[in-house]
Amino acid sequence: MYPEKLHHYRYILGSKSPRRQFLLKELGILFELQTMDVEESFPEHLKGGEIPLYLCRKKAAAFELLDEKTIVITADTVVWINDHVLNKPESELEARVMLRELSGRRHEVYTGVCIRCKEREEAFAVRTDVWFKELSDGEIDYYIKTYQPFDKAGAYGAQEWIGYIGVERIEGSYFNVMGLPVKELYERLVNFDC
């Protein structure tokens, strides 16, 4: 039976990502959408999963005046390869450079999630390893022109064409790569008390 406890709170998802909205809805949680403009900058010394953990906490901190019955969920996803982060590309050229770097290699996807209410906050990060086949220039160009992946960390969405033809293997949560580790989030929410 679906835990009744999850219906005792009002949930706010602090994310513009349509993929996170879809996944949280599919998890069976009723939520409101509310986003804050938060600069997604982070200290340069942070590595891997530390980055989205820092950013999801930063996003959650922007929500003030929460009551005992309201839970805010924020998240951030980064792609980590060759000891550096691939953020969202700002141009076709940047997207092309990112996809060429991912081509034929393994990279790590980290999603940080923060659950916050008036008196309590819990944050965690989940890692998934992803292997890409060698991508041709034609495949990269087609994907960028057709899907415009400028709102995605690492310039790709695993649930899109590039994932169908390019992802050879995934170790860990597929939904984490989409931007929300739903199994882990569900388990944390079931045990979360404000």
C-alpha atoms as a PDB file:
ATOM      1  CA  MET A   1       0.000   0.000   0.000  1.00  0.00           C
ATOM      2  CA  TYR A   2       1.217   3.504  -0.875  1.00  0.00           C
ATOM      3  CA  PRO A   3       2.459   5.184   2.336  1.00  0.00           C
ATOM      4  CA  GLU A   4      -0.260   7.488   3.679  1.00  0.00           C
ATOM      5  CA  LYS A   5       2.437   9.639   5.209  1.00  0.00           C
ATOM      6  CA  LEU A   6       3.247  11.099   1.793  1.00  0.00           C
ATOM      7  CA  HIS A   7      -0.214  12.682   1.685  1.00  0.00           C
ATOM      8  CA  HIS A   8       0.275  14.563   4.959  1.00  0.00           C
ATOM      9  CA  TYR A   9       2.393  17.277   3.381  1.00  0.00           C
ATOM     10  CA  ARG A  10       2.126  19.952   0.733  1.00  0.00           C
ATOM     11  CA  TYR A  11       4.974  19.522  -1.766  1.00  0.00           C
ATOM     12  CA  ILE A  12       6.691  22.200  -3.823  1.00  0.00           C
ATOM     13  CA  LEU A  13       9.039  21.209  -6.631  1.00  0.00           C
ATOM     14  CA  GLY A  14      11.578  23.949  -7.156  1.00  0.00           C
ATOM     15  CA  SER A  15      12.609  23.014 -10.693  1.00  0.00           C
ATOM     16  CA  LYS A  16      11.937  24.207 -14.232  1.00  0.00           C
ATOM     17  CA  SER A  17      12.954  20.824 -15.642  1.00  0.00           C
ATOM     18  CA  PRO A  18      10.071  19.097 -17.451  1.00  0.00           C
ATOM     19  CA  ARG A  19      11.812  15.760 -16.843  1.00  0.00           C
ATOM     20  CA  ARG A  20      11.846  16.262 -13.052  1.00  0.00           C
ATOM     21  CA  GLN A  21       8.223  17.363 -13.141  1.00  0.00           C
ATOM     22  CA  PHE A  22       7.289  14.239 -15.117  1.00  0.00           C
ATOM     23  CA  LEU A  23       9.204  11.875 -12.819  1.00  0.00           C
ATOM     24  CA  LEU A  24       7.821  13.349  -9.595  1.00  0.00           C
ATOM     25  CA  LYS A  25       4.287  13.152 -10.989  1.00  0.00           C
ATOM     26  CA  GLU A  26       4.859   9.518 -11.988  1.00  0.00           C
ATOM     27  CA  LEU A  27       6.026   8.840  -8.435  1.00  0.00           C
ATOM     28  CA  GLY A  28       2.464   9.620  -7.383  1.00  0.00           C
ATOM     29  CA  ILE A  29       3.243  12.789  -5.453  1.00  0.00           C
ATOM     30  CA  LEU A  30       0.961  15.788  -5.875  1.00  0.00           C
ATOM     31  CA  PHE A  31       3.037  18.951  -5.998  1.00  0.00           C
ATOM     32  CA  GLU A  32       3.029  22.604  -6.886  1.00  0.00           C
ATOM     33  CA  LEU A  33       5.638  24.108  -9.139  1.00  0.00           C
ATOM     34  CA  GLN A  34       7.515  27.098  -7.835  1.00  0.00           C
ATOM     35  CA  THR A  35      10.941  28.219  -8.958  1.00  0.00           C
ATOM     36  CA  MET A  36      13.343  30.814  -7.627  1.00  0.00           C
ATOM     37  CA  ASP A  37      16.002  32.575  -9.635  1.00  0.00           C
ATOM     38  CA  VAL A  38      19.188  31.232  -8.108  1.00  0.00           C
ATOM     39  CA  GLU A  39      22.588  31.732  -9.687  1.00  0.00           C
ATOM     40  CA  GLU A  40      24.001  28.272 -10.398  1.00  0.00           C
ATOM     41  CA  SER A  41      27.570  29.129  -9.440  1.00  0.00           C
ATOM     42  CA  PHE A  42      29.655  27.028  -7.073  1.00  0.00           C
ATOM     43  CA  PRO A  43      33.131  27.094  -5.488  1.00  0.00           C
ATOM     44  CA  GLU A  44      35.804  25.867  -7.916  1.00  0.00           C
ATOM     45  CA  HIS A  45      37.267  23.352  -5.451  1.00  0.00           C
ATOM     46  CA  LEU A  46      34.106  21.199  -5.502  1.00  0.00           C
ATOM     47  CA  LYS A  47      34.277  17.934  -7.435  1.00  0.00           C
ATOM     48  CA  GLY A  48      31.787  15.388  -8.784  1.00  0.00           C
ATOM     49  CA  GLY A  49      28.776  14.909  -6.544  1.00  0.00           C
ATOM     50  CA  GLU A  50      29.784  17.819  -4.288  1.00  0.00           C
ATOM     51  CA  ILE A  51      28.673  20.260  -7.006  1.00  0.00           C
ATOM     52  CA  PRO A  52      24.988  19.277  -7.359  1.00  0.00           C
ATOM     53  CA  LEU A  53      24.795  18.773  -3.583  1.00  0.00           C
ATOM     54  CA  TYR A  54      25.918  22.373  -3.077  1.00  0.00           C
ATOM     55  CA  LEU A  55      23.578  23.688  -5.788  1.00  0.00           C
ATOM     56  CA  CYS A  56      20.436  21.837  -4.651  1.00  0.00           C
ATOM     57  CA  ARG A  57      20.971  23.163  -1.114  1.00  0.00           C
ATOM     58  CA  LYS A  58      21.475  26.654  -2.510  1.00  0.00           C
ATOM     59  CA  LYS A  59      18.194  26.377  -4.453  1.00  0.00           C
ATOM     60  CA  ALA A  60      16.317  25.064  -1.393  1.00  0.00           C
ATOM     61  CA  ALA A  61      17.647  27.910   0.781  1.00  0.00           C
ATOM     62  CA  ALA A  62      15.914  30.406  -1.523  1.00  0.00           C
ATOM     63  CA  PHE A  63      12.530  29.218  -0.218  1.00  0.00           C
ATOM     64  CA  GLU A  64      11.617  31.129   2.928  1.00  0.00           C
ATOM     65  CA  LEU A  65       8.707  31.139   5.359  1.00  0.00           C
ATOM     66  CA  LEU A  66       7.930  27.451   5.018  1.00  0.00           C
ATOM     67  CA  ASP A  67       5.445  25.957   7.464  1.00  0.00           C
ATOM     68  CA  GLU A  68       5.459  22.565   9.190  1.00  0.00           C
ATOM     69  CA  LYS A  69       3.316  20.973   6.489  1.00  0.00           C
ATOM     70  CA  THR A  70       5.251  22.120   3.407  1.00  0.00           C
ATOM     71  CA  ILE A  71       8.190  20.268   1.861  1.00  0.00           C
ATOM     72  CA  VAL A  72      10.332  21.785  -0.887  1.00  0.00           C
ATOM     73  CA  ILE A  73      12.223  19.485  -3.246  1.00  0.00           C
ATOM     74  CA  THR A  74      15.095  20.914  -5.289  1.00  0.00           C
ATOM     75  CA  ALA A  75      17.631  19.149  -7.491  1.00  0.00           C
ATOM     76  CA  ASP A  76      20.625  19.713  -9.708  1.00  0.00           C
ATOM     77  CA  THR A  77      22.370  17.395 -12.152  1.00  0.00           C
ATOM     78  CA  VAL A  78      25.926  17.552 -13.487  1.00  0.00           C
ATOM     79  CA  VAL A  79      28.003  15.482 -15.860  1.00  0.00           C
ATOM     80  CA  TRP A  80      31.559  14.766 -14.654  1.00  0.00           C
ATOM     81  CA  ILE A  81      34.306  13.588 -17.018  1.00  0.00           C
ATOM     82  CA  ASN A  82      38.094  13.844 -17.057  1.00  0.00           C
ATOM     83  CA  ASP A  83      38.079  15.546 -13.642  1.00  0.00           C
ATOM     84  CA  HIS A  84      35.876  18.460 -14.714  1.00  0.00           C
ATOM     85  CA  VAL A  85      32.199  19.321 -14.942  1.00  0.00           C
ATOM     86  CA  LEU A  86      30.098  19.679 -18.089  1.00  0.00           C
ATOM     87  CA  ASN A  87      27.311  22.142 -17.389  1.00  0.00           C
ATOM     88  CA  LYS A  88      24.498  23.142 -19.745  1.00  0.00           C
ATOM     89  CA  PRO A  89      25.910  24.264 -23.108  1.00  0.00           C
ATOM     90  CA  GLU A  90      25.329  27.856 -24.118  1.00  0.00           C
ATOM     91  CA  SER A  91      25.775  27.357 -27.863  1.00  0.00           C
ATOM     92  CA  GLU A  92      25.813  24.725 -30.598  1.00  0.00           C
ATOM     93  CA  LEU A  93      29.599  24.865 -30.599  1.00  0.00           C
ATOM     94  CA  GLU A  94      29.784  24.213 -26.859  1.00  0.00           C
ATOM     95  CA  ALA A  95      27.288  21.342 -27.168  1.00  0.00           C
ATOM     96  CA  ARG A  96      29.373  19.830 -29.987  1.00  0.00           C
ATOM     97  CA  VAL A  97      32.573  20.058 -27.907  1.00  0.00           C
ATOM     98  CA  MET A  98      30.844  18.358 -24.953  1.00  0.00           C
ATOM     99  CA  LEU A  99      29.402  15.505 -27.016  1.00  0.00           C
ATOM    100  CA  ARG A 100      32.763  14.899 -28.678  1.00  0.00           C
ATOM    101  CA  GLU A 101      34.351  14.638 -25.246  1.00  0.00           C
ATOM    102  CA  LEU A 102      31.680  12.147 -24.105  1.00  0.00           C
ATOM    103  CA  SER A 103      31.985  10.093 -27.309  1.00  0.00           C
ATOM    104  CA  GLY A 104      33.530   6.662 -26.757  1.00  0.00           C
ATOM    105  CA  ARG A 105      34.054   7.228 -23.051  1.00  0.00           C
ATOM    106  CA  ARG A 106      32.591   6.622 -19.611  1.00  0.00           C
ATOM    107  CA  HIS A 107      31.352   9.586 -17.614  1.00  0.00           C
ATOM    108  CA  GLU A 108      29.572  10.095 -14.320  1.00  0.00           C
ATOM    109  CA  VAL A 109      26.196  11.733 -13.812  1.00  0.00           C
ATOM    110  CA  TYR A 110      25.490  13.129 -10.355  1.00  0.00           C
ATOM    111  CA  THR A 111      22.143  14.444  -9.196  1.00  0.00           C
ATOM    112  CA  GLY A 112      21.901  16.238  -5.900  1.00  0.00           C
ATOM    113  CA  VAL A 113      18.483  16.420  -4.234  1.00  0.00           C
ATOM    114  CA  CYS A 114      17.490  18.565  -1.272  1.00  0.00           C
ATOM    115  CA  ILE A 115      14.337  17.971   0.780  1.00  0.00           C
ATOM    116  CA  ARG A 116      13.568  20.927   3.030  1.00  0.00           C
ATOM    117  CA  CYS A 117      10.835  22.037   5.412  1.00  0.00           C
ATOM    118  CA  LYS A 118      10.681  24.652   8.171  1.00  0.00           C
ATOM    119  CA  GLU A 119      12.777  22.810  10.754  1.00  0.00           C
ATOM    120  CA  ARG A 120      14.720  20.259   8.766  1.00  0.00           C
ATOM    121  CA  GLU A 121      16.775  19.709   5.639  1.00  0.00           C
ATOM    122  CA  GLU A 122      18.179  16.560   4.090  1.00  0.00           C
ATOM    123  CA  ALA A 123      20.348  16.472   0.978  1.00  0.00           C
ATOM    124  CA  PHE A 124      21.937  13.592  -0.894  1.00  0.00           C
ATOM    125  CA  ALA A 125      23.655  12.918  -4.208  1.00  0.00           C
ATOM    126  CA  VAL A 126      23.347   9.864  -6.441  1.00  0.00           C
ATOM    127  CA  ARG A 127      25.924   8.739  -9.002  1.00  0.00           C
ATOM    128  CA  THR A 128      25.325   6.870 -12.255  1.00  0.00           C
ATOM    129  CA  ASP A 129      28.058   5.772 -14.669  1.00  0.00           C
ATOM    130  CA  VAL A 130      27.268   6.075 -18.378  1.00  0.00           C
ATOM    131  CA  TRP A 131      29.218   4.695 -21.347  1.00  0.00           C
ATOM    132  CA  PHE A 132      28.828   6.252 -24.800  1.00  0.00           C
ATOM    133  CA  LYS A 133      29.745   4.619 -28.085  1.00  0.00           C
ATOM    134  CA  GLU A 134      31.903   6.533 -30.543  1.00  0.00           C
ATOM    135  CA  LEU A 135      29.588   9.176 -31.984  1.00  0.00           C
ATOM    136  CA  SER A 136      30.098  10.402 -35.551  1.00  0.00           C
ATOM    137  CA  ASP A 137      30.117  14.110 -36.350  1.00  0.00           C
ATOM    138  CA  GLY A 138      26.908  13.552 -38.325  1.00  0.00           C
ATOM    139  CA  GLU A 139      25.168  11.960 -35.334  1.00  0.00           C
ATOM    140  CA  ILE A 140      26.279  14.782 -33.042  1.00  0.00           C
ATOM    141  CA  ASP A 141      25.166  17.474 -35.506  1.00  0.00           C
ATOM    142  CA  TYR A 142      21.806  15.800 -36.118  1.00  0.00           C
ATOM    143  CA  TYR A 143      21.124  15.530 -32.400  1.00  0.00           C
ATOM    144  CA  ILE A 144      22.031  19.147 -31.640  1.00  0.00           C
ATOM    145  CA  LYS A 145      20.014  20.551 -34.567  1.00  0.00           C
ATOM    146  CA  THR A 146      16.964  18.363 -33.899  1.00  0.00           C
ATOM    147  CA  TYR A 147      16.822  18.318 -30.095  1.00  0.00           C
ATOM    148  CA  GLN A 148      18.486  21.610 -29.058  1.00  0.00           C
ATOM    149  CA  PRO A 149      19.918  20.152 -25.810  1.00  0.00           C
ATOM    150  CA  PHE A 150      20.823  23.505 -24.255  1.00  0.00           C
ATOM    151  CA  ASP A 151      18.889  22.888 -21.029  1.00  0.00           C
ATOM    152  CA  LYS A 152      20.705  19.641 -20.263  1.00  0.00           C
ATOM    153  CA  ALA A 153      23.915  19.003 -18.347  1.00  0.00           C
ATOM    154  CA  GLY A 154      26.527  17.555 -20.693  1.00  0.00           C
ATOM    155  CA  ALA A 155      24.415  18.549 -23.728  1.00  0.00           C
ATOM    156  CA  TYR A 156      22.361  15.365 -23.839  1.00  0.00           C
ATOM    157  CA  GLY A 157      19.223  13.668 -22.598  1.00  0.00           C
ATOM    158  CA  ALA A 158      19.429   9.885 -22.213  1.00  0.00           C
ATOM    159  CA  GLN A 159      15.686   9.685 -22.892  1.00  0.00           C
ATOM    160  CA  GLU A 160      16.156  11.265 -26.346  1.00  0.00           C
ATOM    161  CA  TRP A 161      17.535  10.049 -29.683  1.00  0.00           C
ATOM    162  CA  ILE A 162      21.168  10.351 -28.583  1.00  0.00           C
ATOM    163  CA  GLY A 163      20.449   8.009 -25.679  1.00  0.00           C
ATOM    164  CA  TYR A 164      18.769   5.467 -27.958  1.00  0.00           C
ATOM    165  CA  ILE A 165      21.692   5.282 -30.367  1.00  0.00           C
ATOM    166  CA  GLY A 166      24.620   6.339 -28.214  1.00  0.00           C
ATOM    167  CA  VAL A 167      24.388   4.940 -24.699  1.00  0.00           C
ATOM    168  CA  GLU A 168      26.077   1.532 -24.567  1.00  0.00           C
ATOM    169  CA  ARG A 169      25.747   0.876 -20.853  1.00  0.00           C
ATOM    170  CA  ILE A 170      24.508   2.430 -17.627  1.00  0.00           C
ATOM    171  CA  GLU A 171      25.480   1.418 -14.094  1.00  0.00           C
ATOM    172  CA  GLY A 172      23.148   2.897 -11.513  1.00  0.00           C
ATOM    173  CA  SER A 173      19.850   4.724 -11.750  1.00  0.00           C
ATOM    174  CA  TYR A 174      18.645   5.571 -15.261  1.00  0.00           C
ATOM    175  CA  PHE A 175      16.228   8.112 -13.793  1.00  0.00           C
ATOM    176  CA  ASN A 176      19.180   9.797 -12.099  1.00  0.00           C
ATOM    177  CA  VAL A 177      20.561  10.478 -15.583  1.00  0.00           C
ATOM    178  CA  MET A 178      17.177  12.008 -16.488  1.00  0.00           C
ATOM    179  CA  GLY A 179      17.580  14.348 -13.521  1.00  0.00           C
ATOM    180  CA  LEU A 180      15.814  12.784 -10.534  1.00  0.00           C
ATOM    181  CA  PRO A 181      16.781   9.577  -8.686  1.00  0.00           C
ATOM    182  CA  VAL A 182      13.171   8.652  -7.951  1.00  0.00           C
ATOM    183  CA  LYS A 183      13.765   5.463  -5.944  1.00  0.00           C
ATOM    184  CA  GLU A 184      16.143   7.216  -3.552  1.00  0.00           C
ATOM    185  CA  LEU A 185      13.875  10.279  -3.338  1.00  0.00           C
ATOM    186  CA  TYR A 186      10.853   8.110  -2.529  1.00  0.00           C
ATOM    187  CA  GLU A 187      12.729   6.290   0.233  1.00  0.00           C
ATOM    188  CA  ARG A 188      13.919   9.556   1.762  1.00  0.00           C
ATOM    189  CA  LEU A 189      10.462  11.143   1.649  1.00  0.00           C
ATOM    190  CA  VAL A 190       8.880   8.125   3.330  1.00  0.00           C
ATOM    191  CA  ASN A 191      11.322   8.577   6.232  1.00  0.00           C
ATOM    192  CA  PHE A 192      11.321  12.391   6.281  1.00  0.00           C
ATOM    193  CA  ASP A 193       9.570  14.213   9.128  1.00  0.00           C
ATOM    194  CA  CYS A 194       9.240  17.968   9.432  1.00  0.00           C
END
